[in-house]
Protein backbone atom coordinates (compact mmCIF):
# COMPACT_ATOMS: atom_id res chain seq x y z
CA MET A 1 -28.22 -7.00 -3.54
CA PHE A 2 -24.77 -5.85 -2.39
CA GLN A 3 -23.80 -5.56 1.24
CA ASN A 4 -20.84 -3.83 2.79
CA ALA A 5 -18.24 -6.20 4.14
CA GLY A 6 -17.21 -5.46 7.69
CA VAL A 7 -13.74 -5.12 9.14
CA LYS A 8 -13.82 -8.79 10.12
CA ASP A 9 -14.23 -9.74 6.44
CA PHE A 10 -11.08 -7.90 5.37
CA ASP A 11 -8.08 -10.12 4.61
CA TRP A 12 -5.70 -8.67 7.20
CA THR A 13 -3.05 -11.35 6.70
CA MET A 14 -2.65 -10.54 3.01
CA PHE A 15 -2.64 -6.80 3.79
CA PHE A 16 0.19 -7.14 6.31
CA VAL A 17 2.19 -9.47 4.06
CA THR A 18 1.82 -6.90 1.28
CA LEU A 19 3.01 -4.13 3.63
CA ILE A 20 6.05 -6.23 4.60
CA ILE A 21 6.91 -6.79 0.92
CA CYS A 22 6.49 -3.05 0.23
CA GLY A 23 8.71 -2.25 3.21
CA LEU A 24 11.40 -4.60 1.93
CA GLY A 25 11.19 -2.93 -1.47
CA VAL A 26 11.62 0.52 0.06
CA LEU A 27 14.58 -0.78 2.08
CA GLN A 28 16.18 -2.13 -1.10
CA ILE A 29 15.65 1.18 -2.90
CA PHE A 30 17.15 3.02 0.07
CA SER A 31 20.22 0.78 0.24
CA ALA A 32 20.75 0.76 -3.54
CA THR A 33 20.58 4.54 -3.89
CA HIS A 34 22.42 5.52 -0.69
CA ASP A 35 25.14 8.10 -1.44
CA THR A 36 24.11 8.45 -5.09
CA VAL A 37 22.33 11.09 -7.14
CA TRP A 38 18.99 9.31 -6.53
CA GLN A 39 19.40 9.31 -2.74
CA GLY A 40 15.85 10.49 -1.95
CA SER A 41 13.95 8.27 -4.37
CA TRP A 42 12.71 5.96 -1.60
CA TRP A 43 10.39 8.78 -0.43
CA LYS A 44 8.70 8.69 -3.82
CA GLN A 45 8.09 4.96 -3.41
CA LEU A 46 6.58 5.55 0.06
CA LEU A 47 4.21 8.12 -1.43
CA PHE A 48 3.11 5.65 -4.13
CA ILE A 49 2.51 2.99 -1.46
CA ALA A 50 0.44 5.41 0.63
CA ALA A 51 -1.58 6.45 -2.44
CA GLY A 52 -2.18 2.79 -3.28
CA ILE A 53 -3.40 2.04 0.25
CA PHE A 54 -5.72 5.04 0.10
CA LEU A 55 -7.15 3.93 -3.26
CA MET A 56 -7.58 0.41 -1.93
CA TRP A 57 -9.45 1.74 1.12
CA LEU A 58 -11.61 3.92 -1.14
CA ALA A 59 -12.50 0.97 -3.37
CA ALA A 60 -13.17 -1.31 -0.40
CA THR A 61 -15.52 1.12 1.34
CA SER A 62 -17.48 2.29 -1.68
CA THR A 63 -20.85 0.66 -2.28
CA ILE A 64 -22.53 -0.15 -5.54
CA THR A 65 -26.14 0.99 -5.61
CA ARG A 66 -28.67 0.96 -8.38
């Protein structure tokens, strides 16, 4: 009933646009917290982005079987 979608079926354009938006967000966090107490908080945001990409990959590659 369910088939795995291949790499060609993945929406690469939306993925790269999302990465660009995430990158701009990290850049804004970096510039807003530069030389403050929260100077390293942009690393935390990068870790959350990486965890989100991993979870997205996990959900996209898992199959539903009955």
